[in-house]
Amino acid sequence: MSSVKPTPERVLQIFWAMNLDIPSPDTDLIETGALDSMAFVELLLRLQEVFGIQVALDDLQIDRFRTARSIATFVAATTDRVPQMARSAS
């Protein structure tokens, strides 16, 4: 698992690396059209690379990916869940 903290600012850096200019952590990515289907797939791959998470099909709910802030919250919850799942599997 990655030691990078999932902050809204770190999520914005991911978007900037994707050449997407997202002005603030609260910009609605869906409403503005910044997060189309191709960008969404790239975002999922980058979240996996940067934060070491796997996004399950059940986790693909639009409101979790609406803003950089909501993405950071989702990633933080997902990374918190991984150690608990690993402990319960042993």
PDB file of N, CA and C in Angstrom:
ATOM      1  N   MET A   1       0.846  -1.177   0.000  1.00  0.00           N
ATOM      2  CA  MET A   1       0.000   0.000   0.000  1.00  0.00           C
ATOM      3  C   MET A   1       0.891   1.239   0.000  1.00  0.00           C
ATOM      4  N   SER A   2       0.438   2.293  -0.627  1.00  0.00           N
ATOM      5  CA  SER A   2       1.194   3.535  -0.756  1.00  0.00           C
ATOM      6  C   SER A   2       1.130   4.349   0.535  1.00  0.00           C
ATOM      7  N   SER A   3       2.187   5.157   0.746  1.00  0.00           N
ATOM      8  CA  SER A   3       2.189   6.030   1.906  1.00  0.00           C
ATOM      9  C   SER A   3       1.731   7.443   1.552  1.00  0.00           C
ATOM     10  N   VAL A   4       1.335   7.665   0.297  1.00  0.00           N
ATOM     11  CA  VAL A   4       0.850   8.970  -0.143  1.00  0.00           C
ATOM     12  C   VAL A   4      -0.534   9.204   0.446  1.00  0.00           C
ATOM     13  N   LYS A   5      -0.720  10.351   1.099  1.00  0.00           N
ATOM     14  CA  LYS A   5      -2.013  10.678   1.716  1.00  0.00           C
ATOM     15  C   LYS A   5      -2.999  11.142   0.635  1.00  0.00           C
ATOM     16  N   PRO A   6      -4.215  10.623   0.664  1.00  0.00           N
ATOM     17  CA  PRO A   6      -5.221  11.027  -0.327  1.00  0.00           C
ATOM     18  C   PRO A   6      -5.892  12.352   0.051  1.00  0.00           C
ATOM     19  N   THR A   7      -5.233  13.449  -0.278  1.00  0.00           N
ATOM     20  CA  THR A   7      -5.802  14.771  -0.023  1.00  0.00           C
ATOM     21  C   THR A   7      -6.413  15.322  -1.304  1.00  0.00           C
ATOM     22  N   PRO A   8      -7.348  16.260  -1.194  1.00  0.00           N
ATOM     23  CA  PRO A   8      -7.901  16.879  -2.405  1.00  0.00           C
ATOM     24  C   PRO A   8      -6.810  17.502  -3.284  1.00  0.00           C
ATOM     25  N   GLU A   9      -5.792  18.084  -2.670  1.00  0.00           N
ATOM     26  CA  GLU A   9      -4.710  18.696  -3.430  1.00  0.00           C
ATOM     27  C   GLU A   9      -3.922  17.643  -4.194  1.00  0.00           C
ATOM     28  N   ARG A  10      -3.708  16.475  -3.584  1.00  0.00           N
ATOM     29  CA  ARG A  10      -2.987  15.384  -4.265  1.00  0.00           C
ATOM     30  C   ARG A  10      -3.808  14.861  -5.430  1.00  0.00           C
ATOM     31  N   VAL A  11      -5.119  14.794  -5.277  1.00  0.00           N
ATOM     32  CA  VAL A  11      -5.991  14.369  -6.383  1.00  0.00           C
ATOM     33  C   VAL A  11      -5.919  15.395  -7.512  1.00  0.00           C
ATOM     34  N   LEU A  12      -5.888  16.678  -7.168  1.00  0.00           N
ATOM     35  CA  LEU A  12      -5.744  17.713  -8.199  1.00  0.00           C
ATOM     36  C   LEU A  12      -4.434  17.531  -8.963  1.00  0.00           C
ATOM     37  N   GLN A  13      -3.380  17.153  -8.283  1.00  0.00           N
ATOM     38  CA  GLN A  13      -2.102  16.913  -8.958  1.00  0.00           C
ATOM     39  C   GLN A  13      -2.221  15.781  -9.974  1.00  0.00           C
ATOM     40  N   ILE A  14      -3.018  14.787  -9.653  1.00  0.00           N
ATOM     41  CA  ILE A  14      -3.249  13.688 -10.597  1.00  0.00           C
ATOM     42  C   ILE A  14      -3.939  14.228 -11.841  1.00  0.00           C
ATOM     43  N   PHE A  15      -4.934  15.078 -11.648  1.00  0.00           N
ATOM     44  CA  PHE A  15      -5.621  15.660 -12.804  1.00  0.00           C
ATOM     45  C   PHE A  15      -4.676  16.522 -13.629  1.00  0.00           C
ATOM     46  N   TRP A  16      -3.821  17.285 -12.962  1.00  0.00           N
ATOM     47  CA  TRP A  16      -2.866  18.124 -13.695  1.00  0.00           C
ATOM     48  C   TRP A  16      -1.911  17.246 -14.499  1.00  0.00           C
ATOM     49  N   ALA A  17      -1.505  16.103 -13.956  1.00  0.00           N
ATOM     50  CA  ALA A  17      -0.644  15.169 -14.683  1.00  0.00           C
ATOM     51  C   ALA A  17      -1.371  14.574 -15.892  1.00  0.00           C
ATOM     52  N   MET A  18      -2.692  14.565 -15.830  1.00  0.00           N
ATOM     53  CA  MET A  18      -3.514  14.084 -16.953  1.00  0.00           C
ATOM     54  C   MET A  18      -3.811  15.228 -17.945  1.00  0.00           C
ATOM     55  N   ASN A  19      -3.183  16.384 -17.708  1.00  0.00           N
ATOM     56  CA  ASN A  19      -3.402  17.582 -18.533  1.00  0.00           C
ATOM     57  C   ASN A  19      -4.833  18.097 -18.461  1.00  0.00           C
ATOM     58  N   LEU A  20      -5.441  17.961 -17.287  1.00  0.00           N
ATOM     59  CA  LEU A  20      -6.769  18.504 -17.032  1.00  0.00           C
ATOM     60  C   LEU A  20      -6.628  19.630 -16.016  1.00  0.00           C
ATOM     61  N   ASP A  21      -7.089  20.806 -16.380  1.00  0.00           N
ATOM     62  CA  ASP A  21      -6.984  21.961 -15.494  1.00  0.00           C
ATOM     63  C   ASP A  21      -8.248  22.052 -14.643  1.00  0.00           C
ATOM     64  N   ILE A  22      -8.166  21.532 -13.446  1.00  0.00           N
ATOM     65  CA  ILE A  22      -9.277  21.563 -12.497  1.00  0.00           C
ATOM     66  C   ILE A  22      -8.954  22.671 -11.497  1.00  0.00           C
ATOM     67  N   PRO A  23      -9.750  23.749 -11.473  1.00  0.00           N
ATOM     68  CA  PRO A  23      -9.383  24.923 -10.685  1.00  0.00           C
ATOM     69  C   PRO A  23      -9.449  24.769  -9.171  1.00  0.00           C
ATOM     70  N   SER A  24     -10.310  23.897  -8.661  1.00  0.00           N
ATOM     71  CA  SER A  24     -10.416  23.776  -7.208  1.00  0.00           C
ATOM     72  C   SER A  24     -10.863  22.361  -6.826  1.00  0.00           C
ATOM     73  N   PRO A  25     -10.651  21.982  -5.575  1.00  0.00           N
ATOM     74  CA  PRO A  25     -11.070  20.659  -5.120  1.00  0.00           C
ATOM     75  C   PRO A  25     -12.584  20.447  -5.161  1.00  0.00           C
ATOM     76  N   ASP A  26     -13.343  21.546  -5.276  1.00  0.00           N
ATOM     77  CA  ASP A  26     -14.807  21.429  -5.268  1.00  0.00           C
ATOM     78  C   ASP A  26     -15.435  21.614  -6.644  1.00  0.00           C
ATOM     79  N   THR A  27     -14.613  21.703  -7.686  1.00  0.00           N
ATOM     80  CA  THR A  27     -15.141  21.794  -9.047  1.00  0.00           C
ATOM     81  C   THR A  27     -15.879  20.512  -9.384  1.00  0.00           C
ATOM     82  N   ASP A  28     -17.097  20.631  -9.904  1.00  0.00           N
ATOM     83  CA  ASP A  28     -17.887  19.460 -10.279  1.00  0.00           C
ATOM     84  C   ASP A  28     -17.339  18.909 -11.596  1.00  0.00           C
ATOM     85  N   LEU A  29     -16.662  17.775 -11.520  1.00  0.00           N
ATOM     86  CA  LEU A  29     -15.994  17.182 -12.669  1.00  0.00           C
ATOM     87  C   LEU A  29     -16.971  16.635 -13.697  1.00  0.00           C
ATOM     88  N   ILE A  30     -18.130  16.224 -13.241  1.00  0.00           N
ATOM     89  CA  ILE A  30     -19.141  15.664 -14.135  1.00  0.00           C
ATOM     90  C   ILE A  30     -19.863  16.793 -14.864  1.00  0.00           C
ATOM     91  N   GLU A  31     -20.328  17.761 -14.095  1.00  0.00           N
ATOM     92  CA  GLU A  31     -21.083  18.878 -14.659  1.00  0.00           C
ATOM     93  C   GLU A  31     -20.252  19.687 -15.655  1.00  0.00           C
ATOM     94  N   THR A  32     -18.968  19.875 -15.365  1.00  0.00           N
ATOM     95  CA  THR A  32     -18.103  20.650 -16.258  1.00  0.00           C
ATOM     96  C   THR A  32     -17.631  19.842 -17.465  1.00  0.00           C
ATOM     97  N   GLY A  33     -17.827  18.538 -17.443  1.00  0.00           N
ATOM     98  CA  GLY A  33     -17.394  17.684 -18.547  1.00  0.00           C
ATOM     99  C   GLY A  33     -15.915  17.337 -18.501  1.00  0.00           C
ATOM    100  N   ALA A  34     -15.247  17.678 -17.423  1.00  0.00           N
ATOM    101  CA  ALA A  34     -13.817  17.398 -17.304  1.00  0.00           C
ATOM    102  C   ALA A  34     -13.537  15.901 -17.195  1.00  0.00           C
ATOM    103  N   LEU A  35     -14.458  15.171 -16.612  1.00  0.00           N
ATOM    104  CA  LEU A  35     -14.257  13.738 -16.392  1.00  0.00           C
ATOM    105  C   LEU A  35     -15.161  12.946 -17.334  1.00  0.00           C
ATOM    106  N   ASP A  36     -14.688  12.764 -18.572  1.00  0.00           N
ATOM    107  CA  ASP A  36     -15.437  11.938 -19.516  1.00  0.00           C
ATOM    108  C   ASP A  36     -15.027  10.475 -19.311  1.00  0.00           C
ATOM    109  N   SER A  37     -15.536   9.576 -20.126  1.00  0.00           N
ATOM    110  CA  SER A  37     -15.298   8.147 -19.895  1.00  0.00           C
ATOM    111  C   SER A  37     -13.821   7.775 -20.014  1.00  0.00           C
ATOM    112  N   MET A  38     -13.114   8.352 -20.969  1.00  0.00           N
ATOM    113  CA  MET A  38     -11.694   8.035 -21.121  1.00  0.00           C
ATOM    114  C   MET A  38     -10.881   8.597 -19.952  1.00  0.00           C
ATOM    115  N   ALA A  39     -11.176   9.817 -19.553  1.00  0.00           N
ATOM    116  CA  ALA A  39     -10.482  10.423 -18.415  1.00  0.00           C
ATOM    117  C   ALA A  39     -10.787   9.641 -17.138  1.00  0.00           C
ATOM    118  N   PHE A  40     -11.994   9.121 -17.014  1.00  0.00           N
ATOM    119  CA  PHE A  40     -12.366   8.356 -15.833  1.00  0.00           C
ATOM    120  C   PHE A  40     -11.540   7.080 -15.723  1.00  0.00           C
ATOM    121  N   VAL A  41     -11.369   6.395 -16.837  1.00  0.00           N
ATOM    122  CA  VAL A  41     -10.561   5.168 -16.833  1.00  0.00           C
ATOM    123  C   VAL A  41      -9.114   5.501 -16.466  1.00  0.00           C
ATOM    124  N   GLU A  42      -8.579   6.582 -17.042  1.00  0.00           N
ATOM    125  CA  GLU A  42      -7.218   6.997 -16.710  1.00  0.00           C
ATOM    126  C   GLU A  42      -7.109   7.374 -15.234  1.00  0.00           C
ATOM    127  N   LEU A  43      -8.119   8.066 -14.712  1.00  0.00           N
ATOM    128  CA  LEU A  43      -8.129   8.428 -13.297  1.00  0.00           C
ATOM    129  C   LEU A  43      -8.077   7.182 -12.424  1.00  0.00           C
ATOM    130  N   LEU A  44      -8.876   6.184 -12.731  1.00  0.00           N
ATOM    131  CA  LEU A  44      -8.874   4.947 -11.943  1.00  0.00           C
ATOM    132  C   LEU A  44      -7.493   4.301 -11.941  1.00  0.00           C
ATOM    133  N   LEU A  45      -6.834   4.279 -13.092  1.00  0.00           N
ATOM    134  CA  LEU A  45      -5.495   3.704 -13.178  1.00  0.00           C
ATOM    135  C   LEU A  45      -4.496   4.500 -12.342  1.00  0.00           C
ATOM    136  N   ARG A  46      -4.595   5.813 -12.413  1.00  0.00           N
ATOM    137  CA  ARG A  46      -3.671   6.656 -11.648  1.00  0.00           C
ATOM    138  C   ARG A  46      -3.931   6.568 -10.145  1.00  0.00           C
ATOM    139  N   LEU A  47      -5.193   6.451  -9.748  1.00  0.00           N
ATOM    140  CA  LEU A  47      -5.494   6.261  -8.323  1.00  0.00           C
ATOM    141  C   LEU A  47      -4.868   4.962  -7.828  1.00  0.00           C
ATOM    142  N   GLN A  48      -4.928   3.948  -8.658  1.00  0.00           N
ATOM    143  CA  GLN A  48      -4.324   2.669  -8.311  1.00  0.00           C
ATOM    144  C   GLN A  48      -2.809   2.818  -8.177  1.00  0.00           C
ATOM    145  N   GLU A  49      -2.185   3.515  -9.117  1.00  0.00           N
ATOM    146  CA  GLU A  49      -0.728   3.697  -9.082  1.00  0.00           C
ATOM    147  C   GLU A  49      -0.275   4.549  -7.896  1.00  0.00           C
ATOM    148  N   VAL A  50      -0.953   5.676  -7.688  1.00  0.00           N
ATOM    149  CA  VAL A  50      -0.517   6.643  -6.681  1.00  0.00           C
ATOM    150  C   VAL A  50      -0.853   6.191  -5.266  1.00  0.00           C
ATOM    151  N   PHE A  51      -2.067   5.677  -5.071  1.00  0.00           N
ATOM    152  CA  PHE A  51      -2.528   5.356  -3.723  1.00  0.00           C
ATOM    153  C   PHE A  51      -2.535   3.857  -3.420  1.00  0.00           C
ATOM    154  N   GLY A  52      -2.275   3.035  -4.428  1.00  0.00           N
ATOM    155  CA  GLY A  52      -2.225   1.596  -4.203  1.00  0.00           C
ATOM    156  C   GLY A  52      -3.565   0.968  -3.880  1.00  0.00           C
ATOM    157  N   ILE A  53      -4.629   1.504  -4.478  1.00  0.00           N
ATOM    158  CA  ILE A  53      -5.966   0.955  -4.204  1.00  0.00           C
ATOM    159  C   ILE A  53      -6.496   0.210  -5.419  1.00  0.00           C
ATOM    160  N   GLN A  54      -7.435  -0.659  -5.179  1.00  0.00           N
ATOM    161  CA  GLN A  54      -8.196  -1.317  -6.222  1.00  0.00           C
ATOM    162  C   GLN A  54      -9.637  -0.845  -6.070  1.00  0.00           C
ATOM    163  N   VAL A  55     -10.196  -0.303  -7.131  1.00  0.00           N
ATOM    164  CA  VAL A  55     -11.574   0.183  -7.078  1.00  0.00           C
ATOM    165  C   VAL A  55     -12.486  -0.932  -7.575  1.00  0.00           C
ATOM    166  N   ALA A  56     -13.346  -1.398  -6.679  1.00  0.00           N
ATOM    167  CA  ALA A  56     -14.280  -2.466  -7.018  1.00  0.00           C
ATOM    168  C   ALA A  56     -15.452  -1.913  -7.829  1.00  0.00           C
ATOM    169  N   LEU A  57     -16.060  -2.763  -8.595  1.00  0.00           N
ATOM    170  CA  LEU A  57     -17.209  -2.367  -9.401  1.00  0.00           C
ATOM    171  C   LEU A  57     -18.303  -1.748  -8.536  1.00  0.00           C
ATOM    172  N   ASP A  58     -18.509  -2.276  -7.357  1.00  0.00           N
ATOM    173  CA  ASP A  58     -19.523  -1.749  -6.436  1.00  0.00           C
ATOM    174  C   ASP A  58     -19.201  -0.334  -5.955  1.00  0.00           C
ATOM    175  N   ASP A  59     -17.927   0.049  -6.049  1.00  0.00           N
ATOM    176  CA  ASP A  59     -17.502   1.381  -5.603  1.00  0.00           C
ATOM    177  C   ASP A  59     -17.707   2.464  -6.656  1.00  0.00           C
ATOM    178  N   LEU A  60     -18.067   2.085  -7.858  1.00  0.00           N
ATOM    179  CA  LEU A  60     -18.199   3.045  -8.953  1.00  0.00           C
ATOM    180  C   LEU A  60     -19.543   3.768  -8.893  1.00  0.00           C
ATOM    181  N   GLN A  61     -19.655   4.647  -7.912  1.00  0.00           N
ATOM    182  CA  GLN A  61     -20.843   5.481  -7.751  1.00  0.00           C
ATOM    183  C   GLN A  61     -20.463   6.911  -8.100  1.00  0.00           C
ATOM    184  N   ILE A  62     -21.235   7.549  -8.942  1.00  0.00           N
ATOM    185  CA  ILE A  62     -20.900   8.841  -9.524  1.00  0.00           C
ATOM    186  C   ILE A  62     -20.538   9.897  -8.489  1.00  0.00           C
ATOM    187  N   ASP A  63     -21.243   9.956  -7.382  1.00  0.00           N
ATOM    188  CA  ASP A  63     -20.972  10.998  -6.389  1.00  0.00           C
ATOM    189  C   ASP A  63     -19.613  10.837  -5.720  1.00  0.00           C
ATOM    190  N   ARG A  64     -19.053   9.657  -5.732  1.00  0.00           N
ATOM    191  CA  ARG A  64     -17.714   9.444  -5.172  1.00  0.00           C
ATOM    192  C   ARG A  64     -16.636  10.069  -6.050  1.00  0.00           C
ATOM    193  N   PHE A  65     -16.970  10.337  -7.307  1.00  0.00           N
ATOM    194  CA  PHE A  65     -15.997  10.851  -8.269  1.00  0.00           C
ATOM    195  C   PHE A  65     -16.399  12.216  -8.819  1.00  0.00           C
ATOM    196  N   ARG A  66     -17.295  12.901  -8.146  1.00  0.00           N
ATOM    197  CA  ARG A  66     -17.821  14.177  -8.633  1.00  0.00           C
ATOM    198  C   ARG A  66     -16.814  15.318  -8.485  1.00  0.00           C
ATOM    199  N   THR A  67     -16.017  15.332  -7.415  1.00  0.00           N
ATOM    200  CA  THR A  67     -15.043  16.394  -7.176  1.00  0.00           C
ATOM    201  C   THR A  67     -13.729  15.771  -6.690  1.00  0.00           C
ATOM    202  N   ALA A  68     -12.658  16.548  -6.744  1.00  0.00           N
ATOM    203  CA  ALA A  68     -11.378  16.068  -6.202  1.00  0.00           C
ATOM    204  C   ALA A  68     -11.513  15.790  -4.709  1.00  0.00           C
ATOM    205  N   ARG A  69     -12.313  16.597  -4.025  1.00  0.00           N
ATOM    206  CA  ARG A  69     -12.520  16.402  -2.588  1.00  0.00           C
ATOM    207  C   ARG A  69     -13.249  15.074  -2.323  1.00  0.00           C
ATOM    208  N   SER A  70     -14.288  14.780  -3.095  1.00  0.00           N
ATOM    209  CA  SER A  70     -15.024  13.524  -2.879  1.00  0.00           C
ATOM    210  C   SER A  70     -14.169  12.314  -3.265  1.00  0.00           C
ATOM    211  N   ILE A  71     -13.310  12.466  -4.260  1.00  0.00           N
ATOM    212  CA  ILE A  71     -12.397  11.377  -4.638  1.00  0.00           C
ATOM    213  C   ILE A  71     -11.410  11.115  -3.505  1.00  0.00           C
ATOM    214  N   ALA A  72     -10.855  12.172  -2.924  1.00  0.00           N
ATOM    215  CA  ALA A  72      -9.920  12.015  -1.807  1.00  0.00           C
ATOM    216  C   ALA A  72     -10.590  11.330  -0.620  1.00  0.00           C
ATOM    217  N   THR A  73     -11.818  11.704  -0.338  1.00  0.00           N
ATOM    218  CA  THR A  73     -12.574  11.074   0.759  1.00  0.00           C
ATOM    219  C   THR A  73     -12.788   9.594   0.477  1.00  0.00           C
ATOM    220  N   PHE A  74     -13.170   9.275  -0.747  1.00  0.00           N
ATOM    221  CA  PHE A  74     -13.379   7.882  -1.148  1.00  0.00           C
ATOM    222  C   PHE A  74     -12.078   7.084  -1.027  1.00  0.00           C
ATOM    223  N   VAL A  75     -10.979   7.640  -1.540  1.00  0.00           N
ATOM    224  CA  VAL A  75      -9.695   6.937  -1.494  1.00  0.00           C
ATOM    225  C   VAL A  75      -9.262   6.714  -0.049  1.00  0.00           C
ATOM    226  N   ALA A  76      -9.430   7.723   0.795  1.00  0.00           N
ATOM    227  CA  ALA A  76      -9.071   7.577   2.207  1.00  0.00           C
ATOM    228  C   ALA A  76      -9.882   6.448   2.858  1.00  0.00           C
ATOM    229  N   ALA A  77     -11.170   6.397   2.564  1.00  0.00           N
ATOM    230  CA  ALA A  77     -12.021   5.341   3.124  1.00  0.00           C
ATOM    231  C   ALA A  77     -11.598   3.975   2.588  1.00  0.00           C
ATOM    232  N   THR A  78     -11.212   3.926   1.327  1.00  0.00           N
ATOM    233  CA  THR A  78     -10.785   2.672   0.712  1.00  0.00           C
ATOM    234  C   THR A  78      -9.467   2.195   1.308  1.00  0.00           C
ATOM    235  N   THR A  79      -8.529   3.105   1.527  1.00  0.00           N
ATOM    236  CA  THR A  79      -7.240   2.702   2.101  1.00  0.00           C
ATOM    237  C   THR A  79      -7.398   2.311   3.566  1.00  0.00           C
ATOM    238  N   ASP A  80      -8.347   2.919   4.262  1.00  0.00           N
ATOM    239  CA  ASP A  80      -8.615   2.527   5.650  1.00  0.00           C
ATOM    240  C   ASP A  80      -9.224   1.129   5.717  1.00  0.00           C
ATOM    241  N   ARG A  81      -9.980   0.774   4.692  1.00  0.00           N
ATOM    242  CA  ARG A  81     -10.673  -0.508   4.639  1.00  0.00           C
ATOM    243  C   ARG A  81      -9.722  -1.667   4.375  1.00  0.00           C
ATOM    244  N   VAL A  82      -8.650  -1.440   3.614  1.00  0.00           N
ATOM    245  CA  VAL A  82      -7.737  -2.507   3.207  1.00  0.00           C
ATOM    246  C   VAL A  82      -7.075  -3.199   4.391  1.00  0.00           C
ATOM    247  N   PRO A  83      -6.482  -2.464   5.357  1.00  0.00           N
ATOM    248  CA  PRO A  83      -5.860  -3.163   6.487  1.00  0.00           C
ATOM    249  C   PRO A  83      -6.869  -3.974   7.294  1.00  0.00           C
ATOM    250  N   GLN A  84      -8.089  -3.475   7.437  1.00  0.00           N
ATOM    251  CA  GLN A  84      -9.109  -4.195   8.192  1.00  0.00           C
ATOM    252  C   GLN A  84      -9.464  -5.486   7.475  1.00  0.00           C
ATOM    253  N   MET A  85      -9.584  -5.439   6.147  1.00  0.00           N
ATOM    254  CA  MET A  85      -9.913  -6.627   5.372  1.00  0.00           C
ATOM    255  C   MET A  85      -8.779  -7.635   5.464  1.00  0.00           C
ATOM    256  N   ALA A  86      -7.529  -7.165   5.430  1.00  0.00           N
ATOM    257  CA  ALA A  86      -6.380  -8.058   5.517  1.00  0.00           C
ATOM    258  C   ALA A  86      -6.330  -8.753   6.875  1.00  0.00           C
ATOM    259  N   ARG A  87      -6.649  -8.009   7.945  1.00  0.00           N
ATOM    260  CA  ARG A  87      -6.651  -8.600   9.283  1.00  0.00           C
ATOM    261  C   ARG A  87      -7.753  -9.647   9.416  1.00  0.00           C
ATOM    262  N   SER A  88      -8.914  -9.385   8.854  1.00  0.00           N
ATOM    263  CA  SER A  88     -10.018 -10.333   8.998  1.00  0.00           C
ATOM    264  C   SER A  88      -9.804 -11.590   8.143  1.00  0.00           C
ATOM    265  N   ALA A  89      -8.967 -11.498   7.116  1.00  0.00           N
ATOM    266  CA  ALA A  89      -8.697 -12.655   6.268  1.00  0.00           C
ATOM    267  C   ALA A  89      -7.679 -13.589   6.917  1.00  0.00           C
ATOM    268  N   SER A  90      -6.918 -13.095   7.880  1.00  0.00           N
ATOM    269  CA  SER A  90      -5.892 -13.956   8.497  1.00  0.00           C
ATOM    270  C   SER A  90      -6.417 -14.696   9.695  1.00  0.00           C
TER     271      SER A  90
END
